[in-house]
N, C-alpha and C. Protein backbone atom coordinates (compact mmCIF):
# COMPACT_ATOMS: atom_id res chain seq x y z
N UNK A 1 -3.71 -43.15 -2.45
CA UNK A 1 -4.60 -42.22 -3.13
C UNK A 1 -5.46 -41.48 -2.12
N UNK A 2 -5.94 -42.20 -1.11
CA UNK A 2 -6.79 -41.58 -0.09
C UNK A 2 -6.02 -40.51 0.66
N UNK A 3 -4.76 -40.79 0.96
CA UNK A 3 -3.91 -39.84 1.68
C UNK A 3 -3.70 -38.58 0.84
N UNK A 4 -3.43 -38.75 -0.44
CA UNK A 4 -3.22 -37.59 -1.32
C UNK A 4 -4.48 -36.76 -1.48
N UNK A 5 -5.61 -37.42 -1.70
CA UNK A 5 -6.85 -36.70 -1.96
C UNK A 5 -7.37 -35.96 -0.73
N UNK A 6 -7.08 -36.46 0.46
CA UNK A 6 -7.59 -35.85 1.68
C UNK A 6 -6.53 -35.09 2.47
N UNK A 7 -5.37 -34.90 1.89
CA UNK A 7 -4.27 -34.14 2.51
C UNK A 7 -3.93 -34.63 3.91
N UNK A 8 -3.83 -35.93 4.06
CA UNK A 8 -3.47 -36.52 5.35
C UNK A 8 -1.95 -36.58 5.42
N UNK A 9 -1.35 -36.08 6.51
CA UNK A 9 0.11 -36.11 6.60
C UNK A 9 0.64 -37.53 6.79
N UNK A 10 1.79 -37.79 6.23
CA UNK A 10 2.43 -39.10 6.34
C UNK A 10 3.18 -39.17 7.66
N UNK A 11 3.08 -40.29 8.35
CA UNK A 11 3.75 -40.48 9.63
C UNK A 11 5.21 -40.85 9.36
N UNK A 12 6.04 -39.85 9.24
CA UNK A 12 7.45 -40.03 8.88
C UNK A 12 8.17 -40.84 9.94
N UNK A 13 7.88 -40.57 11.18
CA UNK A 13 8.56 -41.26 12.29
C UNK A 13 8.29 -42.76 12.24
N UNK A 14 7.06 -43.16 11.96
CA UNK A 14 6.72 -44.58 11.87
C UNK A 14 7.54 -45.25 10.77
N UNK A 15 7.56 -44.66 9.58
CA UNK A 15 8.27 -45.27 8.47
C UNK A 15 9.77 -45.31 8.71
N UNK A 16 10.30 -44.29 9.35
CA UNK A 16 11.73 -44.27 9.63
C UNK A 16 12.10 -45.38 10.60
N UNK A 17 11.35 -45.51 11.68
CA UNK A 17 11.72 -46.49 12.71
C UNK A 17 11.30 -47.91 12.37
N UNK A 18 10.17 -48.10 11.72
CA UNK A 18 9.68 -49.46 11.48
C UNK A 18 10.00 -50.02 10.10
N UNK A 19 10.25 -49.16 9.13
CA UNK A 19 10.49 -49.66 7.78
C UNK A 19 11.94 -49.50 7.32
N UNK A 20 12.57 -48.37 7.65
CA UNK A 20 13.91 -48.10 7.13
C UNK A 20 15.04 -48.48 8.08
N UNK A 21 14.83 -48.27 9.36
CA UNK A 21 15.96 -48.43 10.29
C UNK A 21 16.50 -49.86 10.35
N UNK A 22 15.63 -50.86 10.39
CA UNK A 22 16.10 -52.25 10.51
C UNK A 22 16.94 -52.69 9.32
N UNK A 23 16.49 -52.47 8.08
CA UNK A 23 17.35 -52.86 6.95
C UNK A 23 18.66 -52.07 6.90
N UNK A 24 18.59 -50.77 7.22
CA UNK A 24 19.82 -49.97 7.19
C UNK A 24 20.81 -50.44 8.26
N UNK A 25 20.31 -50.76 9.43
CA UNK A 25 21.19 -51.25 10.49
C UNK A 25 21.83 -52.57 10.10
N UNK A 26 21.08 -53.46 9.44
CA UNK A 26 21.65 -54.74 9.00
C UNK A 26 22.72 -54.54 7.92
N UNK A 27 22.53 -53.56 7.05
CA UNK A 27 23.51 -53.31 5.98
C UNK A 27 24.79 -52.73 6.55
N UNK A 28 24.67 -51.75 7.47
CA UNK A 28 25.85 -51.05 7.96
C UNK A 28 26.50 -51.68 9.18
N UNK A 29 25.89 -52.70 9.77
CA UNK A 29 26.45 -53.34 10.96
C UNK A 29 27.85 -53.92 10.74
N UNK A 30 28.12 -54.59 9.62
CA UNK A 30 29.48 -55.11 9.43
C UNK A 30 30.52 -54.02 9.12
N UNK A 31 30.07 -52.86 8.70
CA UNK A 31 30.99 -51.81 8.26
C UNK A 31 31.30 -50.80 9.35
N UNK A 32 30.29 -50.40 10.11
CA UNK A 32 30.41 -49.33 11.11
C UNK A 32 30.28 -49.92 12.51
N UNK A 33 31.08 -49.37 13.45
CA UNK A 33 31.03 -49.86 14.82
C UNK A 33 29.67 -49.61 15.47
N UNK A 34 29.13 -48.41 15.29
CA UNK A 34 27.86 -48.06 15.90
C UNK A 34 26.89 -47.60 14.80
N UNK A 35 26.21 -48.53 14.13
CA UNK A 35 25.32 -48.14 13.02
C UNK A 35 24.11 -47.33 13.49
N UNK A 36 23.75 -47.42 14.76
CA UNK A 36 22.62 -46.66 15.30
C UNK A 36 22.88 -45.15 15.22
N UNK A 37 24.16 -44.76 15.20
CA UNK A 37 24.51 -43.34 15.13
C UNK A 37 24.10 -42.72 13.79
N UNK A 38 23.86 -43.56 12.77
CA UNK A 38 23.41 -43.04 11.48
C UNK A 38 22.00 -42.46 11.55
N UNK A 39 21.19 -42.99 12.47
CA UNK A 39 19.78 -42.60 12.53
C UNK A 39 19.49 -41.49 13.53
N UNK A 40 20.49 -41.08 14.28
CA UNK A 40 20.26 -40.01 15.26
C UNK A 40 21.53 -39.17 15.37
N UNK A 41 21.36 -37.96 15.84
CA UNK A 41 22.50 -37.07 16.00
C UNK A 41 22.27 -35.73 15.33
N UNK A 42 23.33 -34.90 15.35
CA UNK A 42 23.23 -33.55 14.80
C UNK A 42 23.10 -33.54 13.27
N UNK A 43 23.54 -34.59 12.61
CA UNK A 43 23.51 -34.62 11.15
C UNK A 43 22.13 -34.98 10.59
N UNK A 44 21.20 -35.39 11.41
CA UNK A 44 19.87 -35.75 10.93
C UNK A 44 18.94 -34.55 10.96
N UNK A 45 17.93 -34.59 10.12
CA UNK A 45 16.94 -33.50 10.07
C UNK A 45 15.92 -33.69 11.17
N UNK A 46 15.32 -32.58 11.57
CA UNK A 46 14.23 -32.66 12.52
C UNK A 46 12.92 -32.82 11.75
N UNK A 47 12.00 -33.51 12.35
CA UNK A 47 10.72 -33.77 11.72
C UNK A 47 9.68 -32.85 12.34
N UNK A 48 9.04 -32.05 11.49
CA UNK A 48 7.98 -31.15 11.96
C UNK A 48 6.65 -31.83 11.70
N UNK A 49 5.86 -31.95 12.74
CA UNK A 49 4.55 -32.58 12.58
C UNK A 49 3.54 -31.50 12.23
N UNK A 50 2.73 -31.73 11.18
CA UNK A 50 1.75 -30.73 10.78
C UNK A 50 0.62 -30.60 11.79
N UNK A 51 -0.07 -29.50 11.72
CA UNK A 51 -1.21 -29.25 12.58
C UNK A 51 -2.30 -30.27 12.26
N UNK A 52 -2.96 -30.81 13.28
CA UNK A 52 -4.01 -31.79 13.00
C UNK A 52 -5.17 -31.17 12.23
N UNK A 53 -5.79 -31.98 11.40
CA UNK A 53 -6.94 -31.51 10.63
C UNK A 53 -8.23 -31.86 11.35
N UNK A 54 -9.29 -31.22 10.96
CA UNK A 54 -10.59 -31.45 11.61
C UNK A 54 -11.12 -32.84 11.26
N UNK A 55 -11.28 -33.66 12.26
CA UNK A 55 -11.86 -34.98 12.10
C UNK A 55 -12.94 -35.16 13.15
N UNK A 56 -13.90 -35.96 12.84
CA UNK A 56 -15.00 -36.18 13.77
C UNK A 56 -14.46 -36.80 15.06
N UNK A 57 -14.77 -36.16 16.18
CA UNK A 57 -14.35 -36.69 17.46
C UNK A 57 -13.04 -36.11 17.97
N UNK A 58 -12.28 -35.43 17.14
CA UNK A 58 -10.99 -34.87 17.57
C UNK A 58 -11.14 -33.49 18.15
N UNK A 59 -10.08 -32.98 18.72
CA UNK A 59 -10.08 -31.64 19.32
C UNK A 59 -10.27 -30.56 18.26
N UNK A 60 -9.84 -30.84 17.04
CA UNK A 60 -9.97 -29.86 15.97
C UNK A 60 -11.43 -29.69 15.52
N UNK A 61 -12.31 -30.56 16.03
CA UNK A 61 -13.72 -30.44 15.69
C UNK A 61 -14.29 -29.12 16.22
N UNK A 62 -13.67 -28.58 17.26
CA UNK A 62 -14.15 -27.36 17.88
C UNK A 62 -13.53 -26.11 17.26
N UNK A 63 -12.56 -26.29 16.40
CA UNK A 63 -11.93 -25.15 15.74
C UNK A 63 -12.84 -24.63 14.62
N UNK A 64 -12.80 -23.32 14.41
CA UNK A 64 -13.62 -22.70 13.37
C UNK A 64 -12.69 -22.26 12.25
N UNK A 65 -13.02 -22.67 11.03
CA UNK A 65 -12.22 -22.28 9.87
C UNK A 65 -12.65 -20.89 9.41
N UNK A 66 -11.68 -19.99 9.22
CA UNK A 66 -11.98 -18.66 8.71
C UNK A 66 -11.18 -18.41 7.45
N UNK A 67 -11.65 -17.51 6.66
CA UNK A 67 -10.90 -17.12 5.46
C UNK A 67 -9.66 -16.35 5.87
N UNK A 68 -8.62 -16.50 5.08
CA UNK A 68 -7.41 -15.73 5.35
C UNK A 68 -7.05 -14.92 4.12
N UNK A 69 -6.31 -13.85 4.35
CA UNK A 69 -5.86 -12.98 3.28
C UNK A 69 -4.91 -13.77 2.37
N UNK A 70 -5.07 -13.64 1.08
CA UNK A 70 -4.19 -14.35 0.14
C UNK A 70 -2.80 -13.73 0.08
N UNK A 71 -2.64 -12.54 0.63
CA UNK A 71 -1.34 -11.89 0.62
C UNK A 71 -0.51 -12.21 1.85
N UNK A 72 -1.09 -11.93 3.04
CA UNK A 72 -0.31 -12.09 4.29
C UNK A 72 -0.85 -13.18 5.20
N UNK A 73 -1.91 -13.86 4.81
CA UNK A 73 -2.50 -14.98 5.55
C UNK A 73 -3.16 -14.60 6.86
N UNK A 74 -3.39 -13.31 7.12
CA UNK A 74 -4.09 -12.91 8.35
C UNK A 74 -5.58 -13.19 8.18
N UNK A 75 -6.29 -13.46 9.27
CA UNK A 75 -7.72 -13.78 9.16
C UNK A 75 -8.53 -12.60 8.63
N UNK A 76 -9.55 -12.92 7.82
CA UNK A 76 -10.44 -11.91 7.25
C UNK A 76 -11.84 -12.16 7.80
N UNK A 77 -12.49 -11.10 8.26
CA UNK A 77 -13.84 -11.26 8.79
C UNK A 77 -14.90 -11.18 7.69
N UNK A 78 -14.65 -10.41 6.65
CA UNK A 78 -15.60 -10.26 5.55
C UNK A 78 -15.54 -11.49 4.65
N UNK A 79 -16.68 -12.17 4.48
CA UNK A 79 -16.71 -13.42 3.71
C UNK A 79 -16.46 -13.20 2.22
N UNK A 80 -16.71 -11.99 1.72
CA UNK A 80 -16.52 -11.72 0.30
C UNK A 80 -15.16 -11.12 -0.02
N UNK A 81 -14.39 -10.79 1.00
CA UNK A 81 -13.08 -10.17 0.78
C UNK A 81 -12.05 -11.23 0.43
N UNK A 82 -11.09 -10.82 -0.36
CA UNK A 82 -10.00 -11.69 -0.74
C UNK A 82 -8.71 -11.29 -0.02
N UNK A 83 -8.55 -9.98 0.18
CA UNK A 83 -7.35 -9.45 0.79
C UNK A 83 -7.72 -8.59 2.00
N UNK A 84 -6.78 -8.47 2.91
CA UNK A 84 -6.98 -7.59 4.06
C UNK A 84 -6.74 -6.14 3.64
N UNK A 85 -6.97 -5.23 4.54
CA UNK A 85 -6.83 -3.79 4.25
C UNK A 85 -5.39 -3.45 3.89
N UNK A 86 -4.44 -4.09 4.56
CA UNK A 86 -3.02 -3.79 4.29
C UNK A 86 -2.56 -4.29 2.93
N UNK A 87 -3.15 -5.40 2.46
CA UNK A 87 -2.73 -5.98 1.18
C UNK A 87 -3.55 -5.49 -0.01
N UNK A 88 -4.64 -4.80 0.23
CA UNK A 88 -5.51 -4.33 -0.84
C UNK A 88 -4.78 -3.47 -1.89
N UNK A 89 -3.85 -2.58 -1.47
CA UNK A 89 -3.11 -1.80 -2.49
C UNK A 89 -2.24 -2.66 -3.41
N UNK A 90 -1.87 -3.85 -2.96
CA UNK A 90 -1.03 -4.74 -3.76
C UNK A 90 -1.85 -5.84 -4.44
N UNK A 91 -3.13 -5.59 -4.66
CA UNK A 91 -4.04 -6.62 -5.19
C UNK A 91 -3.58 -7.15 -6.55
N UNK A 92 -3.21 -6.26 -7.44
CA UNK A 92 -2.78 -6.70 -8.78
C UNK A 92 -1.51 -7.55 -8.70
N UNK A 93 -0.59 -7.15 -7.84
CA UNK A 93 0.66 -7.90 -7.68
C UNK A 93 0.40 -9.30 -7.10
N UNK A 94 -0.48 -9.38 -6.12
CA UNK A 94 -0.81 -10.68 -5.51
C UNK A 94 -1.56 -11.55 -6.51
N UNK A 95 -2.48 -10.95 -7.27
CA UNK A 95 -3.21 -11.70 -8.30
C UNK A 95 -2.24 -12.26 -9.33
N UNK A 96 -1.30 -11.45 -9.77
CA UNK A 96 -0.33 -11.92 -10.76
C UNK A 96 0.53 -13.05 -10.20
N UNK A 97 0.90 -12.95 -8.92
CA UNK A 97 1.67 -14.01 -8.28
C UNK A 97 0.89 -15.31 -8.23
N UNK A 98 -0.39 -15.23 -7.89
CA UNK A 98 -1.23 -16.43 -7.84
C UNK A 98 -1.44 -17.00 -9.23
N UNK A 99 -1.64 -16.15 -10.23
CA UNK A 99 -1.84 -16.65 -11.59
C UNK A 99 -0.53 -17.25 -12.14
N UNK A 100 0.62 -16.69 -11.76
CA UNK A 100 1.90 -17.27 -12.16
C UNK A 100 2.06 -18.65 -11.53
N UNK A 101 1.64 -18.78 -10.28
CA UNK A 101 1.72 -20.07 -9.58
C UNK A 101 0.84 -21.10 -10.28
N UNK A 102 -0.38 -20.70 -10.68
CA UNK A 102 -1.27 -21.61 -11.41
C UNK A 102 -0.62 -22.04 -12.72
N UNK A 103 0.01 -21.09 -13.41
CA UNK A 103 0.68 -21.42 -14.69
C UNK A 103 1.82 -22.41 -14.48
N UNK A 104 2.60 -22.23 -13.41
CA UNK A 104 3.70 -23.16 -13.11
C UNK A 104 3.17 -24.57 -12.84
N UNK A 105 2.11 -24.65 -12.04
CA UNK A 105 1.55 -25.96 -11.70
C UNK A 105 0.93 -26.61 -12.93
N UNK A 106 0.25 -25.82 -13.76
CA UNK A 106 -0.33 -26.36 -15.00
C UNK A 106 0.76 -26.91 -15.91
N UNK A 107 1.87 -26.20 -15.99
CA UNK A 107 2.99 -26.65 -16.81
C UNK A 107 3.56 -27.97 -16.28
N UNK A 108 3.71 -28.04 -14.97
CA UNK A 108 4.21 -29.27 -14.35
C UNK A 108 3.24 -30.42 -14.58
N UNK A 109 1.95 -30.16 -14.42
CA UNK A 109 0.96 -31.20 -14.65
C UNK A 109 0.98 -31.66 -16.11
N UNK A 110 1.14 -30.71 -17.04
CA UNK A 110 1.20 -31.05 -18.46
C UNK A 110 2.38 -31.96 -18.77
N UNK A 111 3.53 -31.67 -18.18
CA UNK A 111 4.70 -32.52 -18.40
C UNK A 111 4.47 -33.93 -17.85
N UNK A 112 3.92 -34.01 -16.65
CA UNK A 112 3.66 -35.32 -16.04
C UNK A 112 2.60 -36.09 -16.82
N UNK A 113 1.56 -35.39 -17.28
CA UNK A 113 0.50 -36.03 -18.05
C UNK A 113 1.04 -36.57 -19.37
N UNK A 114 1.90 -35.80 -20.02
CA UNK A 114 2.51 -36.25 -21.27
C UNK A 114 3.37 -37.48 -21.04
N UNK A 115 4.09 -37.50 -19.93
CA UNK A 115 4.91 -38.67 -19.59
C UNK A 115 4.02 -39.91 -19.40
N UNK A 116 2.88 -39.74 -18.75
CA UNK A 116 1.95 -40.86 -18.56
C UNK A 116 1.35 -41.30 -19.89
N UNK A 117 1.06 -40.34 -20.77
CA UNK A 117 0.53 -40.70 -22.09
C UNK A 117 1.55 -41.49 -22.90
N UNK A 118 2.81 -41.10 -22.81
CA UNK A 118 3.87 -41.83 -23.53
C UNK A 118 3.97 -43.26 -23.01
N UNK A 119 3.88 -43.39 -21.69
CA UNK A 119 3.97 -44.72 -21.08
C UNK A 119 2.78 -45.58 -21.50
N UNK A 120 1.60 -44.97 -21.57
CA UNK A 120 0.39 -45.71 -21.97
C UNK A 120 0.37 -46.00 -23.46
N UNK A 121 1.16 -45.25 -24.23
CA UNK A 121 1.27 -45.51 -25.66
C UNK A 121 0.28 -44.76 -26.53
N UNK A 122 -0.43 -43.79 -25.97
CA UNK A 122 -1.39 -43.05 -26.76
C UNK A 122 -1.44 -41.60 -26.30
N UNK A 123 -1.37 -40.69 -27.26
CA UNK A 123 -1.44 -39.27 -26.96
C UNK A 123 -2.87 -38.75 -27.06
N UNK A 124 -3.82 -39.60 -27.49
CA UNK A 124 -5.16 -39.13 -27.79
C UNK A 124 -6.24 -39.68 -26.85
N UNK A 125 -5.87 -40.55 -25.93
CA UNK A 125 -6.85 -41.14 -25.03
C UNK A 125 -6.48 -40.83 -23.58
N UNK A 126 -7.47 -40.93 -22.71
CA UNK A 126 -7.20 -40.75 -21.28
C UNK A 126 -6.26 -41.85 -20.79
N UNK A 127 -5.47 -41.51 -19.79
CA UNK A 127 -4.55 -42.47 -19.20
C UNK A 127 -5.29 -43.22 -18.11
N UNK A 128 -5.38 -44.52 -18.27
CA UNK A 128 -5.99 -45.37 -17.27
C UNK A 128 -4.88 -46.15 -16.59
N UNK A 129 -4.31 -45.55 -15.58
CA UNK A 129 -3.15 -46.13 -14.91
C UNK A 129 -3.42 -46.24 -13.43
N UNK A 130 -3.04 -47.33 -12.86
CA UNK A 130 -3.14 -47.49 -11.41
C UNK A 130 -1.89 -48.19 -10.89
N UNK A 131 -0.77 -47.95 -11.55
CA UNK A 131 0.49 -48.57 -11.15
C UNK A 131 0.96 -47.95 -9.84
N UNK A 132 0.88 -48.67 -8.77
CA UNK A 132 1.25 -48.16 -7.44
C UNK A 132 2.75 -47.94 -7.30
N UNK A 133 3.55 -48.54 -8.16
CA UNK A 133 5.01 -48.40 -8.08
C UNK A 133 5.55 -47.25 -8.90
N UNK A 134 4.71 -46.61 -9.69
CA UNK A 134 5.16 -45.55 -10.58
C UNK A 134 5.24 -44.22 -9.83
N UNK A 135 6.43 -43.60 -9.78
CA UNK A 135 6.54 -42.32 -9.08
C UNK A 135 5.84 -41.18 -9.83
N UNK A 136 5.73 -41.28 -11.14
CA UNK A 136 5.05 -40.25 -11.93
C UNK A 136 3.56 -40.22 -11.59
N UNK A 137 2.96 -41.38 -11.36
CA UNK A 137 1.54 -41.47 -11.04
C UNK A 137 1.23 -40.64 -9.79
N UNK A 138 2.01 -40.80 -8.74
CA UNK A 138 1.76 -40.08 -7.50
C UNK A 138 2.09 -38.59 -7.64
N UNK A 139 3.16 -38.29 -8.36
CA UNK A 139 3.49 -36.87 -8.59
C UNK A 139 2.35 -36.19 -9.34
N UNK A 140 1.81 -36.88 -10.33
CA UNK A 140 0.73 -36.30 -11.13
C UNK A 140 -0.51 -36.07 -10.27
N UNK A 141 -0.83 -37.02 -9.41
CA UNK A 141 -1.99 -36.86 -8.52
C UNK A 141 -1.77 -35.73 -7.53
N UNK A 142 -0.55 -35.59 -7.01
CA UNK A 142 -0.23 -34.52 -6.07
C UNK A 142 -0.32 -33.16 -6.76
N UNK A 143 0.23 -33.06 -7.95
CA UNK A 143 0.19 -31.81 -8.71
C UNK A 143 -1.25 -31.48 -9.09
N UNK A 144 -2.05 -32.49 -9.38
CA UNK A 144 -3.46 -32.27 -9.71
C UNK A 144 -4.19 -31.67 -8.51
N UNK A 145 -3.91 -32.13 -7.30
CA UNK A 145 -4.51 -31.58 -6.08
C UNK A 145 -4.02 -30.15 -5.85
N UNK A 146 -2.71 -29.93 -6.03
CA UNK A 146 -2.16 -28.58 -5.88
C UNK A 146 -2.78 -27.61 -6.89
N UNK A 147 -3.02 -28.10 -8.09
CA UNK A 147 -3.62 -27.26 -9.13
C UNK A 147 -5.05 -26.87 -8.75
N UNK A 148 -5.79 -27.81 -8.20
CA UNK A 148 -7.16 -27.49 -7.76
C UNK A 148 -7.13 -26.44 -6.65
N UNK A 149 -6.20 -26.58 -5.71
CA UNK A 149 -6.07 -25.60 -4.63
C UNK A 149 -5.67 -24.22 -5.16
N UNK A 150 -4.76 -24.20 -6.14
CA UNK A 150 -4.32 -22.93 -6.72
C UNK A 150 -5.45 -22.27 -7.50
N UNK A 151 -6.25 -23.05 -8.21
CA UNK A 151 -7.41 -22.51 -8.92
C UNK A 151 -8.44 -21.94 -7.94
N UNK A 152 -8.63 -22.61 -6.81
CA UNK A 152 -9.55 -22.12 -5.79
C UNK A 152 -9.09 -20.77 -5.25
N UNK A 153 -7.78 -20.65 -4.99
CA UNK A 153 -7.24 -19.38 -4.49
C UNK A 153 -7.42 -18.28 -5.53
N UNK A 154 -7.19 -18.61 -6.79
CA UNK A 154 -7.32 -17.61 -7.86
C UNK A 154 -8.78 -17.22 -8.07
N UNK A 155 -9.68 -18.16 -7.91
CA UNK A 155 -11.09 -17.86 -8.11
C UNK A 155 -11.66 -16.97 -7.00
N UNK A 156 -10.98 -16.89 -5.88
CA UNK A 156 -11.44 -16.01 -4.81
C UNK A 156 -11.39 -14.54 -5.20
N UNK A 157 -10.59 -14.20 -6.19
CA UNK A 157 -10.51 -12.81 -6.64
C UNK A 157 -11.80 -12.40 -7.34
N UNK A 158 -12.49 -13.31 -7.99
CA UNK A 158 -13.77 -13.01 -8.61
C UNK A 158 -13.68 -12.08 -9.80
N UNK A 159 -12.57 -12.05 -10.49
CA UNK A 159 -12.40 -11.17 -11.65
C UNK A 159 -12.95 -11.81 -12.88
C-alpha cells in the first residue's frame, strides 16, 4: 500500500533474481540442458529503471519541480498557465482528451469497486477489505491513485 500511495517503483531486478529465478531453475533443470538460458538472452525484455524521485538526502533533493504543458509536456514558466504557446490553439482538444481519460479511469474504478462490493456481499456499504492476496484490491488502489492524478490534471484547466 505504501508503494502504491507514494509511487515508489518496484525493484524488478531484485524480484526476478531473488524470488523467481531459483524456483524456475529448479523446475526446468530436469527438462532443459541449460535452464539459465531462460532468464537471459535476446528473448527477454529489457528493464527500464524509472527516474529517481525526490527523497531527503538524495541527489534529486536539488532538482526543482516545474509545471509542464499538459499537451506536449514542455516546461511552463507561468504558474497559472496550463498549456504552452504552441498547444494553446488546441486547448479544447487537449481538455477533451483529459476529460475522456478521467471518464475511462472512473469507469474502470467503478467496475473494480462493484467487484469488491460483490465479494463483500453488500452493494450499499463501504468495502472494508485488506486482503493482501486479492489482485482486485491492488488494481482498485492503483486506479484510485491514477484517478486522483487525472483529476488534478483536469483541474489545472480551471474551467
